[in-house]
Amino acid sequence: MENTDTIKLLQECDAGIKMAIASIDEVLEKICNVDMKQLLEESKKHHEKLKTDIHFLLESYRSEEKDPNPIAKGMSWMKTNMKMSMDYSDKTVADLITDGCNMGIKSLNKYLNQYNMADTSSKEICIKLISIEEQLCKELRKYL
């Protein structure tokens, strides 16, 4: 069971990271505030580093990556483009990314509890990802 939980937790983290990176990429060019843009670029680098770590672990278990749910990805894209068409501002970007972070934090905590037999290194990666998301939300508050 531990191996299965480990793989499933890593796969969910992988899908979440891919969703986060895609969301950041979608809004990065639309940001006017230099500090906010730098914050999101740094966050993207942290996500990409964890993604590399996760892929290494998944390979060691001879397991596949996991892509984000296409419906969730599509809904995120629609929400972003609809909100940005109504209010093209850094505040809107901060609001959208904060919403995404909060959903990610909630999902990751659910998976951390659901796959509680996962190995320590996988749990640590998940906790680190949650921490990155929480920090980003905290930093984005000043732009809301």
C-alpha atoms as a PDB file:
ATOM      1  CA  MET A   1       0.000   0.000   0.000  1.00  0.00           C
ATOM      2  CA  GLU A   2       2.843   2.405   0.811  1.00  0.00           C
ATOM      3  CA  ASN A   3       4.218   2.235  -2.747  1.00  0.00           C
ATOM      4  CA  THR A   4       0.762   2.867  -4.241  1.00  0.00           C
ATOM      5  CA  ASP A   5       0.094   5.801  -1.919  1.00  0.00           C
ATOM      6  CA  THR A   6       3.536   7.222  -2.667  1.00  0.00           C
ATOM      7  CA  ILE A   7       2.984   7.083  -6.423  1.00  0.00           C
ATOM      8  CA  LYS A   8      -0.519   8.522  -6.210  1.00  0.00           C
ATOM      9  CA  LEU A   9       0.607  11.393  -3.972  1.00  0.00           C
ATOM     10  CA  LEU A  10       3.513  12.189  -6.293  1.00  0.00           C
ATOM     11  CA  GLN A  11       1.214  12.081  -9.316  1.00  0.00           C
ATOM     12  CA  GLU A  12      -1.286  14.456  -7.708  1.00  0.00           C
ATOM     13  CA  CYS A  13       1.541  16.837  -6.791  1.00  0.00           C
ATOM     14  CA  ASP A  14       2.804  16.591 -10.365  1.00  0.00           C
ATOM     15  CA  ALA A  15      -0.602  17.464 -11.807  1.00  0.00           C
ATOM     16  CA  GLY A  16      -0.958  20.354  -9.362  1.00  0.00           C
ATOM     17  CA  ILE A  17       2.450  21.747 -10.229  1.00  0.00           C
ATOM     18  CA  LYS A  18       1.705  21.564 -13.944  1.00  0.00           C
ATOM     19  CA  MET A  19      -1.559  23.429 -13.336  1.00  0.00           C
ATOM     20  CA  ALA A  20       0.238  26.089 -11.271  1.00  0.00           C
ATOM     21  CA  ILE A  21       2.944  26.619 -13.892  1.00  0.00           C
ATOM     22  CA  ALA A  22       0.359  26.856 -16.688  1.00  0.00           C
ATOM     23  CA  SER A  23      -1.643  29.405 -14.676  1.00  0.00           C
ATOM     24  CA  ILE A  24       1.417  31.526 -13.985  1.00  0.00           C
ATOM     25  CA  ASP A  25       2.470  31.358 -17.638  1.00  0.00           C
ATOM     26  CA  GLU A  26      -1.008  32.436 -18.704  1.00  0.00           C
ATOM     27  CA  VAL A  27      -0.874  35.707 -16.744  1.00  0.00           C
ATOM     28  CA  LEU A  28       2.841  36.519 -16.596  1.00  0.00           C
ATOM     29  CA  GLU A  29       2.887  38.735 -19.677  1.00  0.00           C
ATOM     30  CA  LYS A  30      -0.165  40.648 -18.482  1.00  0.00           C
ATOM     31  CA  ILE A  31       1.449  41.900 -15.260  1.00  0.00           C
ATOM     32  CA  CYS A  32       2.525  45.557 -15.110  1.00  0.00           C
ATOM     33  CA  ASN A  33       4.013  45.654 -11.603  1.00  0.00           C
ATOM     34  CA  VAL A  34       7.683  44.619 -11.785  1.00  0.00           C
ATOM     35  CA  ASP A  35       7.773  43.270  -8.212  1.00  0.00           C
ATOM     36  CA  MET A  36       4.657  41.173  -8.733  1.00  0.00           C
ATOM     37  CA  LYS A  37       6.032  39.796 -11.991  1.00  0.00           C
ATOM     38  CA  GLN A  38       9.296  38.882 -10.248  1.00  0.00           C
ATOM     39  CA  LEU A  39       7.340  37.188  -7.432  1.00  0.00           C
ATOM     40  CA  LEU A  40       5.475  34.996  -9.915  1.00  0.00           C
ATOM     41  CA  GLU A  41       8.648  34.206 -11.856  1.00  0.00           C
ATOM     42  CA  GLU A  42      10.345  33.089  -8.616  1.00  0.00           C
ATOM     43  CA  SER A  43       7.329  30.993  -7.681  1.00  0.00           C
ATOM     44  CA  LYS A  44       7.399  29.371 -11.109  1.00  0.00           C
ATOM     45  CA  LYS A  45      11.092  28.473 -10.586  1.00  0.00           C
ATOM     46  CA  HIS A  46      10.247  26.832  -7.233  1.00  0.00           C
ATOM     47  CA  HIS A  47       7.441  24.870  -8.882  1.00  0.00           C
ATOM     48  CA  GLU A  48       9.731  23.754 -11.715  1.00  0.00           C
ATOM     49  CA  LYS A  49      12.386  22.576  -9.231  1.00  0.00           C
ATOM     50  CA  LEU A  50       9.811  20.488  -7.360  1.00  0.00           C
ATOM     51  CA  LYS A  51       8.484  19.155 -10.662  1.00  0.00           C
ATOM     52  CA  THR A  52      11.988  17.895 -11.485  1.00  0.00           C
ATOM     53  CA  ASP A  53      12.250  16.241  -8.058  1.00  0.00           C
ATOM     54  CA  ILE A  54       8.856  14.598  -8.490  1.00  0.00           C
ATOM     55  CA  HIS A  55       9.696  13.303 -11.963  1.00  0.00           C
ATOM     56  CA  PHE A  56      12.919  11.807 -10.625  1.00  0.00           C
ATOM     57  CA  LEU A  57      10.995  10.002  -7.865  1.00  0.00           C
ATOM     58  CA  LEU A  58       8.270   8.824 -10.256  1.00  0.00           C
ATOM     59  CA  GLU A  59      10.963   7.415 -12.566  1.00  0.00           C
ATOM     60  CA  SER A  60      12.542   5.598  -9.633  1.00  0.00           C
ATOM     61  CA  TYR A  61       9.152   3.929  -9.027  1.00  0.00           C
ATOM     62  CA  ARG A  62       8.808   3.294 -12.774  1.00  0.00           C
ATOM     63  CA  SER A  63       5.622   5.296 -12.783  1.00  0.00           C
ATOM     64  CA  GLU A  64       4.021   7.812 -15.111  1.00  0.00           C
ATOM     65  CA  GLU A  65       3.573  11.549 -14.687  1.00  0.00           C
ATOM     66  CA  LYS A  66       0.068  12.912 -14.314  1.00  0.00           C
ATOM     67  CA  ASP A  67      -1.395  15.787 -16.288  1.00  0.00           C
ATOM     68  CA  PRO A  68      -3.980  18.128 -14.804  1.00  0.00           C
ATOM     69  CA  ASN A  69      -7.627  17.291 -15.356  1.00  0.00           C
ATOM     70  CA  PRO A  70      -8.478  18.763 -18.788  1.00  0.00           C
ATOM     71  CA  ILE A  71     -11.846  20.037 -17.551  1.00  0.00           C
ATOM     72  CA  ALA A  72     -10.241  21.823 -14.581  1.00  0.00           C
ATOM     73  CA  LYS A  73      -7.569  23.267 -16.870  1.00  0.00           C
ATOM     74  CA  GLY A  74     -10.201  24.459 -19.354  1.00  0.00           C
ATOM     75  CA  MET A  75     -12.340  26.014 -16.635  1.00  0.00           C
ATOM     76  CA  SER A  76      -9.293  27.811 -15.245  1.00  0.00           C
ATOM     77  CA  TRP A  77      -8.452  29.165 -18.692  1.00  0.00           C
ATOM     78  CA  MET A  78     -12.039  30.371 -19.216  1.00  0.00           C
ATOM     79  CA  LYS A  79     -12.198  32.030 -15.790  1.00  0.00           C
ATOM     80  CA  THR A  80      -8.866  33.775 -16.341  1.00  0.00           C
ATOM     81  CA  ASN A  81      -9.766  35.086 -19.762  1.00  0.00           C
ATOM     82  CA  MET A  82     -13.259  36.161 -18.728  1.00  0.00           C
ATOM     83  CA  LYS A  83     -12.034  38.044 -15.641  1.00  0.00           C
ATOM     84  CA  MET A  84      -9.136  39.621 -17.512  1.00  0.00           C
ATOM     85  CA  SER A  85     -11.439  40.801 -20.302  1.00  0.00           C
ATOM     86  CA  MET A  86     -13.600  42.585 -17.716  1.00  0.00           C
ATOM     87  CA  ASP A  87     -10.741  44.022 -15.641  1.00  0.00           C
ATOM     88  CA  TYR A  88      -7.259  43.910 -17.139  1.00  0.00           C
ATOM     89  CA  SER A  89      -5.257  44.696 -14.002  1.00  0.00           C
ATOM     90  CA  ASP A  90      -2.607  43.351 -11.656  1.00  0.00           C
ATOM     91  CA  LYS A  91      -5.276  43.154  -8.962  1.00  0.00           C
ATOM     92  CA  THR A  92      -7.272  40.732 -11.131  1.00  0.00           C
ATOM     93  CA  VAL A  93      -4.159  38.626 -11.729  1.00  0.00           C
ATOM     94  CA  ALA A  94      -3.417  38.552  -7.987  1.00  0.00           C
ATOM     95  CA  ASP A  95      -7.014  37.521  -7.304  1.00  0.00           C
ATOM     96  CA  LEU A  96      -6.926  34.729  -9.912  1.00  0.00           C
ATOM     97  CA  ILE A  97      -3.589  33.324  -8.760  1.00  0.00           C
ATOM     98  CA  THR A  98      -4.648  33.528  -5.102  1.00  0.00           C
ATOM     99  CA  ASP A  99      -7.820  31.572  -5.921  1.00  0.00           C
ATOM    100  CA  GLY A 100      -5.726  28.953  -7.712  1.00  0.00           C
ATOM    101  CA  CYS A 101      -3.284  28.710  -4.813  1.00  0.00           C
ATOM    102  CA  ASN A 102      -6.117  28.245  -2.333  1.00  0.00           C
ATOM    103  CA  MET A 103      -7.656  25.475  -4.439  1.00  0.00           C
ATOM    104  CA  GLY A 104      -4.238  23.841  -4.769  1.00  0.00           C
ATOM    105  CA  ILE A 105      -3.599  24.013  -1.023  1.00  0.00           C
ATOM    106  CA  LYS A 106      -6.980  22.446  -0.315  1.00  0.00           C
ATOM    107  CA  SER A 107      -6.429  19.653  -2.846  1.00  0.00           C
ATOM    108  CA  LEU A 108      -2.889  18.910  -1.693  1.00  0.00           C
ATOM    109  CA  ASN A 109      -3.963  18.681   1.934  1.00  0.00           C
ATOM    110  CA  LYS A 110      -6.742  16.300   0.885  1.00  0.00           C
ATOM    111  CA  TYR A 111      -4.256  14.099  -1.001  1.00  0.00           C
ATOM    112  CA  LEU A 112      -1.767  14.222   1.863  1.00  0.00           C
ATOM    113  CA  ASN A 113      -4.471  12.817   4.146  1.00  0.00           C
ATOM    114  CA  GLN A 114      -5.877  10.405   1.545  1.00  0.00           C
ATOM    115  CA  TYR A 115      -2.480   8.882   0.730  1.00  0.00           C
ATOM    116  CA  ASN A 116      -1.207   8.796   4.297  1.00  0.00           C
ATOM    117  CA  MET A 117       0.851   5.656   3.683  1.00  0.00           C
ATOM    118  CA  ALA A 118       3.091   7.497   1.203  1.00  0.00           C
ATOM    119  CA  ASP A 119       6.785   7.537   2.015  1.00  0.00           C
ATOM    120  CA  THR A 120       8.367  10.405   3.941  1.00  0.00           C
ATOM    121  CA  SER A 121      10.137  12.019   0.976  1.00  0.00           C
ATOM    122  CA  SER A 122       6.891  12.214  -1.021  1.00  0.00           C
ATOM    123  CA  LYS A 123       5.031  13.702   1.926  1.00  0.00           C
ATOM    124  CA  GLU A 124       7.830  16.241   2.380  1.00  0.00           C
ATOM    125  CA  ILE A 125       7.558  17.281  -1.273  1.00  0.00           C
ATOM    126  CA  CYS A 126       3.816  17.702  -0.895  1.00  0.00           C
ATOM    127  CA  ILE A 127       4.271  19.767   2.272  1.00  0.00           C
ATOM    128  CA  LYS A 128       6.915  21.883   0.526  1.00  0.00           C
ATOM    129  CA  LEU A 129       4.518  22.486  -2.370  1.00  0.00           C
ATOM    130  CA  ILE A 130       1.779  23.525   0.062  1.00  0.00           C
ATOM    131  CA  SER A 131       4.264  25.887   1.711  1.00  0.00           C
ATOM    132  CA  ILE A 132       5.180  27.455  -1.656  1.00  0.00           C
ATOM    133  CA  GLU A 133       1.497  27.995  -2.434  1.00  0.00           C
ATOM    134  CA  GLU A 134       0.819  29.494   1.003  1.00  0.00           C
ATOM    135  CA  GLN A 135       3.784  31.847   0.672  1.00  0.00           C
ATOM    136  CA  LEU A 136       2.649  32.975  -2.768  1.00  0.00           C
ATOM    137  CA  CYS A 137      -0.860  33.693  -1.446  1.00  0.00           C
ATOM    138  CA  LYS A 138       0.614  35.674   1.422  1.00  0.00           C
ATOM    139  CA  GLU A 139       2.818  37.728  -0.904  1.00  0.00           C
ATOM    140  CA  LEU A 140      -0.003  38.370  -3.388  1.00  0.00           C
ATOM    141  CA  ARG A 141      -2.258  39.883  -0.690  1.00  0.00           C
ATOM    142  CA  LYS A 142      -0.529  43.247  -1.059  1.00  0.00           C
ATOM    143  CA  TYR A 143      -1.697  43.423  -4.678  1.00  0.00           C
ATOM    144  CA  LEU A 144      -5.372  42.740  -3.915  1.00  0.00           C
END
